[in-house]
Protein backbone atom coordinates (compact mmCIF):
# COMPACT_ATOMS: atom_id res chain seq x y z
CA MET A 1 -17.58 -9.81 -39.47
CA ASN A 2 -16.56 -10.17 -43.15
CA ILE A 3 -13.55 -12.08 -44.49
CA THR A 4 -11.68 -10.68 -47.49
CA GLU A 5 -9.34 -13.07 -49.34
CA ILE A 6 -6.59 -11.66 -51.46
CA LEU A 7 -5.85 -13.48 -54.50
CA VAL A 8 -2.52 -12.68 -56.41
CA PRO A 9 -2.54 -13.78 -59.97
CA PRO A 10 0.51 -15.70 -61.18
CA GLN A 11 3.25 -13.46 -62.36
CA ALA A 12 6.51 -13.87 -64.28
CA LEU A 13 9.67 -13.91 -62.26
CA ALA A 14 11.48 -10.59 -62.01
CA TRP A 15 15.03 -12.43 -62.43
CA LEU A 16 15.44 -15.40 -64.83
CA PRO A 17 18.03 -18.06 -64.30
CA TRP A 18 20.19 -15.82 -66.74
CA ALA A 19 20.47 -13.39 -64.01
CA VAL A 20 22.24 -16.17 -61.91
CA GLN A 21 24.66 -16.90 -64.58
CA TYR A 22 25.48 -13.14 -64.89
CA PHE A 23 26.19 -12.79 -61.22
CA PHE A 24 28.10 -16.09 -61.18
CA TYR A 25 30.56 -15.03 -63.94
CA ILE A 26 31.05 -11.35 -63.38
CA GLY A 27 31.43 -12.10 -59.82
CA SER A 28 34.22 -14.54 -60.58
CA ALA A 29 35.65 -12.17 -62.91
CA TYR A 30 36.17 -9.12 -60.43
CA ALA A 31 37.22 -11.53 -57.76
CA ALA A 32 39.91 -13.20 -60.14
CA ALA A 33 41.02 -9.29 -60.79
CA ILE A 34 41.58 -8.78 -57.20
CA LEU A 35 43.42 -12.21 -56.69
CA PHE A 36 45.43 -11.32 -59.95
CA VAL A 37 46.56 -7.95 -58.39
CA ILE A 38 47.64 -9.86 -55.14
CA SER A 39 49.44 -12.57 -56.99
CA PHE A 40 51.29 -10.00 -59.36
CA ILE A 41 52.37 -8.08 -56.44
CA CYS A 42 53.83 -11.31 -54.88
CA ARG A 43 55.11 -12.33 -58.33
CA SER A 44 58.62 -13.64 -57.04
CA HIS A 45 56.62 -16.20 -55.22
CA THR A 46 53.64 -17.04 -57.39
CA SER A 47 53.91 -18.97 -60.70
CA HIS A 48 53.32 -17.90 -64.06
CA GLN A 49 50.72 -20.52 -64.62
CA TRP A 50 48.53 -19.42 -61.55
CA ARG A 51 48.65 -15.81 -62.70
CA SER A 52 47.77 -16.97 -66.32
CA ALA A 53 44.89 -18.92 -64.78
CA LEU A 54 43.51 -15.76 -63.02
CA VAL A 55 43.71 -13.40 -65.90
CA LEU A 56 42.06 -15.84 -68.14
CA VAL A 57 39.36 -16.40 -65.73
CA MET A 58 38.95 -12.62 -65.30
CA ALA A 59 38.93 -11.90 -69.04
CA ILE A 60 36.55 -14.83 -70.28
CA SER A 61 34.10 -14.16 -67.48
CA ALA A 62 34.11 -10.54 -68.03
CA VAL A 63 33.14 -11.37 -71.70
CA ILE A 64 30.55 -14.20 -70.98
CA GLY A 65 28.85 -12.25 -67.97
CA PRO A 66 27.32 -9.50 -70.10
CA ILE A 67 26.06 -11.94 -72.58
CA ALA A 68 23.87 -13.69 -69.87
CA LEU A 69 22.81 -10.24 -68.84
CA THR A 70 21.58 -9.34 -72.22
CA ALA A 71 19.64 -12.59 -72.44
CA ASP A 72 18.06 -11.75 -68.91
CA LEU A 73 16.99 -8.47 -70.51
CA HIS A 74 15.04 -10.51 -73.02
CA GLN A 75 16.07 -8.40 -75.85
CA PRO A 76 19.83 -7.32 -76.64
CA GLY A 77 18.51 -4.07 -78.02
CA ARG A 78 17.05 -3.16 -74.62
CA SER A 79 20.74 -2.83 -73.56
CA LEU A 80 21.13 0.19 -75.91
CA HIS A 81 18.39 2.17 -73.96
CA PHE A 82 20.62 2.28 -70.88
CA PHE A 83 23.11 4.30 -72.94
CA LEU A 84 20.41 6.45 -74.96
CA HIS A 85 18.41 7.25 -71.85
CA PHE A 86 21.01 7.53 -69.02
CA THR A 87 19.23 7.76 -65.63
CA PRO A 88 21.84 8.40 -62.73
CA TRP A 89 19.23 7.39 -60.05
CA SER A 90 19.07 3.83 -61.28
CA TRP A 91 21.99 1.43 -60.33
CA MET A 92 21.23 -0.50 -63.55
CA SER A 93 21.82 2.43 -65.55
CA ILE A 94 25.10 3.25 -63.72
CA GLY A 95 26.10 -0.16 -64.35
CA SER A 96 25.65 0.22 -68.07
CA LEU A 97 28.93 2.33 -67.84
CA LEU A 98 30.78 0.47 -65.28
CA LEU A 99 30.33 -3.00 -66.93
CA PRO A 100 31.83 -2.48 -70.38
CA THR A 101 34.59 -0.42 -68.59
CA PHE A 102 35.44 -3.51 -66.36
CA SER A 103 35.19 -5.91 -69.36
CA GLY A 104 37.25 -3.87 -71.54
CA LEU A 105 39.96 -3.46 -68.79
CA ALA A 106 39.96 -6.93 -67.94
CA VAL A 107 40.58 -8.10 -71.75
CA ILE A 108 43.47 -5.48 -71.83
CA THR A 109 45.31 -6.65 -68.70
CA ALA A 110 44.90 -10.36 -69.85
CA TRP A 111 46.27 -9.38 -73.30
CA LEU A 112 49.29 -7.27 -71.55
CA TYR A 113 50.06 -10.25 -69.33
CA LEU A 114 49.88 -12.88 -71.92
CA ARG A 115 51.89 -10.97 -74.69
CA ASP A 116 54.89 -12.91 -74.27
CA ASP A 117 53.05 -16.15 -74.44
CA ILE A 118 51.23 -14.92 -77.64
CA ALA A 119 54.47 -13.98 -79.17
CA GLN A 120 55.97 -17.58 -78.61
CA LEU A 121 53.09 -18.63 -81.11
CA LYS A 122 55.26 -17.61 -84.05
CA GLN A 123 57.55 -20.64 -83.53
CA SER A 124 54.80 -22.90 -84.12
CA SER A 125 54.74 -25.31 -87.23
CA ASN A 126 51.12 -24.32 -87.99
CA ILE A 127 51.06 -21.19 -90.15
CA TRP A 128 47.51 -20.24 -88.90
CA ILE A 129 48.82 -20.56 -85.12
CA GLN A 130 51.80 -18.42 -86.32
CA ARG A 131 49.63 -15.61 -87.49
CA LEU A 132 48.03 -15.34 -84.15
CA SER A 133 51.37 -13.97 -82.75
CA LEU A 134 50.56 -10.82 -84.53
CA LEU A 135 48.12 -10.07 -81.67
CA THR A 136 51.06 -8.72 -79.70
CA LEU A 137 50.62 -5.50 -81.88
CA GLY A 138 54.49 -5.14 -81.84
CA GLN A 139 57.57 -6.21 -80.27
CA TRP A 140 57.60 -3.77 -77.36
CA LYS A 141 58.09 -5.04 -73.87
CA THR A 142 55.56 -4.90 -71.14
CA SER A 143 56.93 -3.24 -68.09
CA ASN A 144 56.19 -4.32 -64.63
CA LYS A 145 55.06 -0.88 -63.90
CA LEU A 146 52.72 -0.81 -66.65
CA MET A 147 51.19 -4.36 -65.81
CA LEU A 148 50.91 -3.43 -62.20
CA SER A 149 48.93 -0.08 -62.92
CA THR A 150 46.56 -1.79 -65.47
CA ALA A 151 45.73 -4.61 -63.25
CA SER A 152 45.30 -2.30 -60.30
CA LEU A 153 42.88 -0.16 -62.23
CA THR A 154 41.04 -3.53 -63.33
CA GLY A 155 40.93 -4.36 -59.69
CA LEU A 156 39.48 -1.18 -58.68
CA SER A 157 37.01 -1.29 -61.64
CA GLY A 158 36.12 -4.76 -60.48
CA LEU A 159 35.16 -3.27 -57.09
CA THR A 160 32.67 -0.94 -58.74
CA ILE A 161 31.07 -3.95 -60.37
CA ALA A 162 30.75 -5.63 -56.96
CA LEU A 163 29.07 -2.62 -55.67
CA TYR A 164 26.70 -2.04 -58.57
CA THR A 165 25.68 -5.78 -58.71
CA GLY A 166 24.96 -5.95 -55.07
CA LEU A 167 22.94 -2.66 -54.85
CA GLU A 168 21.01 -3.12 -58.13
CA ILE A 169 19.08 -5.76 -56.31
CA ALA A 170 19.47 -4.73 -52.81
CA VAL A 171 17.55 -1.42 -53.47
CA LEU A 172 14.28 -3.61 -54.27
CA ALA A 173 12.32 -2.99 -51.06
CA SER A 174 9.70 -5.43 -52.28
CA ARG A 175 11.86 -8.29 -51.18
CA PRO A 176 13.03 -8.00 -47.56
CA LEU A 177 15.83 -10.73 -48.32
CA TRP A 178 17.31 -8.59 -50.95
CA HIS A 179 16.78 -5.15 -49.37
CA GLN A 180 19.57 -5.70 -46.66
CA PRO A 181 23.28 -5.01 -46.37
CA ALA A 182 23.92 -8.88 -46.04
CA SER A 183 22.88 -9.66 -49.49
CA PRO A 184 25.66 -7.65 -51.34
CA LEU A 185 28.24 -9.06 -48.60
CA LEU A 186 27.09 -12.48 -49.22
CA TRP A 187 27.48 -12.13 -53.18
CA PHE A 188 30.87 -10.59 -52.83
CA VAL A 189 32.53 -13.10 -50.37
CA THR A 190 31.24 -16.17 -52.43
CA ALA A 191 32.45 -14.52 -55.65
CA PHE A 192 36.00 -15.44 -54.62
CA ILE A 193 35.04 -19.17 -54.26
CA GLY A 194 33.81 -19.01 -57.88
CA ALA A 195 37.16 -17.55 -58.97
CA ILE A 196 39.20 -20.02 -57.35
CA GLY A 197 36.98 -22.71 -58.86
CA LEU A 198 37.16 -21.51 -62.40
CA SER A 199 41.04 -20.89 -61.92
CA MET A 200 41.52 -24.53 -60.98
CA VAL A 201 39.62 -25.66 -64.26
CA ILE A 202 42.12 -23.47 -66.11
CA VAL A 203 45.02 -24.96 -64.39
CA ALA A 204 43.65 -28.45 -65.11
CA LEU A 205 43.42 -27.68 -68.76
CA MET A 206 46.96 -26.32 -68.79
CA LYS A 207 48.25 -29.45 -67.09
CA SER A 208 50.84 -30.96 -69.40
CA GLN A 209 54.20 -32.66 -69.21
CA SER A 210 55.66 -29.88 -71.51
CA VAL A 211 54.89 -27.33 -68.49
CA LYS A 212 58.29 -26.20 -67.13
CA LYS A 213 59.03 -27.29 -63.68
CA HIS A 214 59.68 -23.58 -62.47
CA GLU A 215 56.20 -22.63 -64.01
CA ARG A 216 54.19 -24.99 -62.00
CA MET A 217 51.98 -23.96 -59.10
CA SER A 218 54.09 -22.93 -56.17
CA LEU A 219 53.42 -22.99 -52.36
CA THR A 220 52.51 -19.46 -52.44
CA ASP A 221 49.89 -20.07 -55.25
CA ARG A 222 48.52 -22.80 -53.00
CA LYS A 223 48.42 -20.76 -49.96
CA ILE A 224 46.41 -17.95 -51.76
CA ILE A 225 44.01 -20.60 -52.70
CA ARG A 226 43.82 -22.11 -49.11
CA HIS A 227 43.52 -18.58 -47.27
CA THR A 228 40.87 -17.44 -49.81
CA LEU A 229 38.70 -20.43 -49.73
CA ILE A 230 38.87 -20.58 -45.78
CA LEU A 231 38.26 -16.86 -45.44
CA MET A 232 35.47 -16.45 -47.63
CA SER A 233 33.80 -19.81 -47.00
CA THR A 234 33.84 -18.94 -43.13
CA LEU A 235 32.44 -15.41 -44.08
CA ALA A 236 29.73 -16.81 -46.07
CA MET A 237 28.65 -19.16 -43.27
CA VAL A 238 28.40 -16.27 -40.93
CA PHE A 239 26.65 -13.87 -43.45
CA LEU A 240 24.04 -16.54 -44.42
CA PRO A 241 22.12 -16.86 -41.15
CA ILE A 242 22.26 -13.04 -40.81
CA TRP A 243 20.67 -12.77 -44.29
CA ALA A 244 17.96 -15.57 -43.72
CA SER A 245 16.88 -14.03 -40.43
CA ASN A 246 16.21 -10.54 -42.11
CA HIS A 247 12.84 -11.75 -43.67
CA VAL A 248 9.95 -10.12 -41.76
CA HIS A 249 7.09 -12.23 -42.85
CA ASN A 250 8.44 -15.72 -42.82
CA ASN A 251 10.95 -17.64 -40.46
CA LEU A 252 12.80 -19.49 -43.12
CA PHE A 253 14.37 -21.66 -40.47
CA ASP A 254 11.07 -23.31 -39.84
CA ILE A 255 10.10 -24.24 -43.42
CA TYR A 256 11.51 -27.66 -44.27
CA GLU A 257 12.59 -26.89 -47.89
CA TRP A 258 14.72 -23.94 -46.66
CA GLN A 259 16.25 -26.07 -44.07
CA LEU A 260 17.40 -28.31 -46.72
CA ARG A 261 18.75 -25.42 -48.74
CA PHE A 262 20.61 -23.96 -45.82
CA ALA A 263 22.08 -27.51 -44.91
CA THR A 264 23.15 -27.95 -48.51
CA LEU A 265 24.84 -24.66 -48.63
CA PHE A 266 26.60 -25.03 -45.07
CA ILE A 267 27.80 -28.73 -46.42
CA GLY A 268 29.22 -26.87 -49.61
CA PHE A 269 31.02 -24.22 -47.74
CA ILE A 270 32.53 -26.65 -45.44
CA ALA A 271 33.64 -28.68 -48.21
CA CYS A 272 35.33 -25.54 -49.56
CA ILE A 273 37.30 -25.20 -46.43
CA ILE A 274 38.36 -28.83 -46.66
CA VAL A 275 39.24 -28.16 -50.22
CA GLY A 276 41.28 -25.28 -49.08
CA ILE A 277 43.36 -27.32 -46.51
CA TRP A 278 43.82 -30.17 -48.79
CA VAL A 279 45.34 -27.84 -51.73
CA THR A 280 48.46 -27.46 -49.75
CA ARG A 281 48.84 -31.14 -48.87
CA SER A 282 48.31 -32.75 -52.35
CA THR A 283 50.15 -33.02 -55.49
CA LEU A 284 47.20 -31.26 -57.35
CA LYS A 285 46.97 -33.63 -60.18
CA ARG A 286 44.31 -33.17 -62.80
CA PRO A 287 41.56 -35.24 -61.34
CA GLN A 288 41.81 -33.49 -58.03
CA LEU A 289 41.89 -30.09 -59.61
CA LEU A 290 38.68 -30.86 -61.35
CA LEU A 291 37.01 -32.22 -58.26
CA PHE A 292 38.20 -29.36 -56.20
CA SER A 293 36.83 -26.89 -58.89
CA LEU A 294 33.41 -28.82 -58.94
CA VAL A 295 32.98 -28.44 -54.97
CA THR A 296 33.74 -24.67 -55.11
CA LEU A 297 31.85 -23.93 -58.29
CA LEU A 298 28.50 -25.63 -57.26
CA SER A 299 28.71 -24.01 -53.82
CA CYS A 300 29.16 -20.58 -55.46
CA TRP A 301 26.56 -21.20 -58.01
CA TYR A 302 23.89 -22.66 -55.58
CA LEU A 303 24.38 -19.79 -53.23
CA ARG A 304 23.21 -17.41 -56.02
CA TRP A 305 20.52 -19.73 -57.24
CA VAL A 306 18.96 -19.96 -53.54
CA THR A 307 19.35 -16.09 -52.84
CA MET A 308 18.06 -14.89 -56.25
CA MET A 309 15.65 -17.49 -57.68
CA GLU A 310 14.34 -19.53 -54.63
CA VAL A 311 13.74 -16.30 -52.92
CA GLN A 312 11.09 -15.20 -55.63
CA THR A 313 8.97 -18.17 -54.61
CA LEU A 314 8.33 -16.70 -51.05
CA PRO A 315 4.99 -14.91 -51.00
CA ASN A 316 4.61 -11.10 -50.43
CA TYR A 317 1.04 -10.67 -49.58
CA ASP A 318 -0.70 -14.11 -49.34
CA ALA A 319 0.00 -17.49 -48.17
CA GLY A 320 1.34 -18.91 -51.32
CA PRO A 321 2.95 -21.30 -52.16
CA TYR A 322 4.55 -20.14 -55.34
CA PRO A 323 6.76 -23.23 -56.62
CA TYR A 324 9.21 -22.79 -59.27
CA SER A 325 10.27 -25.58 -61.71
CA LEU A 326 13.33 -25.17 -63.92
CA PRO A 327 12.41 -25.04 -67.55
CA MET A 328 14.27 -27.13 -69.96
CA GLY A 329 14.61 -24.47 -72.72
CA PRO A 330 16.93 -21.41 -73.26
CA ASN A 331 15.43 -19.61 -70.13
CA GLY A 332 16.39 -22.70 -68.01
CA LEU A 333 18.62 -25.67 -68.16
CA LEU A 334 19.67 -25.22 -71.73
CA GLY A 335 20.85 -21.54 -70.95
CA ILE A 336 22.75 -22.78 -67.88
CA LEU A 337 24.60 -25.51 -69.87
CA GLY A 338 25.04 -23.19 -73.06
CA MET A 339 26.76 -20.59 -70.84
CA LEU A 340 29.08 -23.11 -69.30
CA GLY A 341 29.74 -24.78 -72.54
CA LEU A 342 30.70 -21.33 -74.05
CA TRP A 343 32.89 -20.52 -71.29
CA LEU A 344 34.74 -24.02 -71.35
CA ALA A 345 34.98 -23.71 -75.32
CA ILE A 346 36.88 -20.38 -74.86
CA ALA A 347 39.01 -21.44 -72.03
CA THR A 348 39.96 -24.69 -73.68
CA VAL A 349 41.02 -22.92 -77.00
CA VAL A 350 43.10 -20.43 -75.10
CA THR A 351 44.88 -22.88 -72.89
CA GLU A 352 45.53 -25.17 -75.92
CA LEU A 353 47.31 -22.28 -77.70
CA LEU A 354 49.52 -21.88 -74.56
CA ASN A 355 49.96 -25.58 -74.64
CA VAL A 356 51.14 -25.47 -78.25
CA LYS A 357 53.75 -22.79 -77.12
CA GLN A 358 54.95 -25.00 -74.35
CA SER A 359 55.12 -28.15 -76.60
CA THR A 360 57.05 -26.09 -79.16
CA HIS A 361 59.72 -25.37 -76.58
CA THR A 362 59.70 -28.90 -75.53
CA ARG A 363 60.37 -30.21 -79.07
CA LYS A 364 63.10 -27.65 -79.67
CA ASN A 365 64.88 -28.75 -76.46
CA HIS A 366 64.66 -32.23 -77.53
CA ALA A 367 66.11 -31.56 -80.81
CA HIS A 368 68.96 -29.63 -79.43
CA SER A 369 69.76 -32.59 -77.14
CA HIS A 370 69.78 -34.98 -79.90
CA GLU A 371 71.84 -32.85 -81.98
CA ALA A 372 74.45 -32.32 -79.13
CA LEU A 373 74.40 -36.15 -78.75
CA SER A 374 75.10 -36.49 -82.52
CA ASN A 375 77.96 -34.23 -82.49
CA GLY A 376 79.37 -35.84 -79.38
């Protein structure tokens, strides 16, 4: 009897950490688009602050996500080949049409909704900020019908992104943990957790004494957060064991490292449920918002890290193991922090401009009050 050992040489990862960033931000974008449609339909009960946070998450993430994707393709010029050589049987090629469509609609929707806020910038004392009011492109009024139609179209476009991003990995039969229906469902439901987390970051950046009382987060806003977190976290805890049990070669529940990963994910999803319950019972001050967002964002991001990066360390043909260590350079930690920093930088600038508008109104109200007192 002969014994033949199969030796597999070291291979580069099929998906780099850049792909995790792409799935995280683009998932948060389409989830925020869907939540915005719901919030706008219920606009008599939801606050302008909450809806603004959702459209900003949608627009910023829809721009940041494709940047991470081009980095994962190693060369930005490779993206051009998807358009020059369209292959309709490839989900990545189909996505090259769906992705810019969604990103464009997301930016247009955010612009339409925030036009009134942008117009108020002309009242600023800073001449450069005043010029930004020209971005309204006229004095015409955005109708509710136009706003709802555009938001609904963006939400439908977001669903196509959810389909394409799920299937572009699920079609890879070489990885049983990817090649199953539970993979796209798991990424879809957790995208809403990420959207809630990023929205709370925006709300925390907007927190100011100058925010009018009627513009602060309403009870309906909090109910949307609560129901979304509880529902999606529960579904994630249902889909995760189904996803893990579909590996035909290894029982992941018997591997100590994977037991720790599953335990961490379940603790994160339970923490998201606790956050959802707590949201309606607290005053939602800035430290609480940042803490809540940290819990939700880590849970959403780590799920993608485990299901996309750690899965690639499982052997296909031999015993392995294939350990992976996160590099410190652009393809690793630096890239992760860089994308987060870019997102926060854009969010900070935009929300600061909105605060400038609110502060201008506050100063004018104080000036009118002092003038009335003087005349009295």
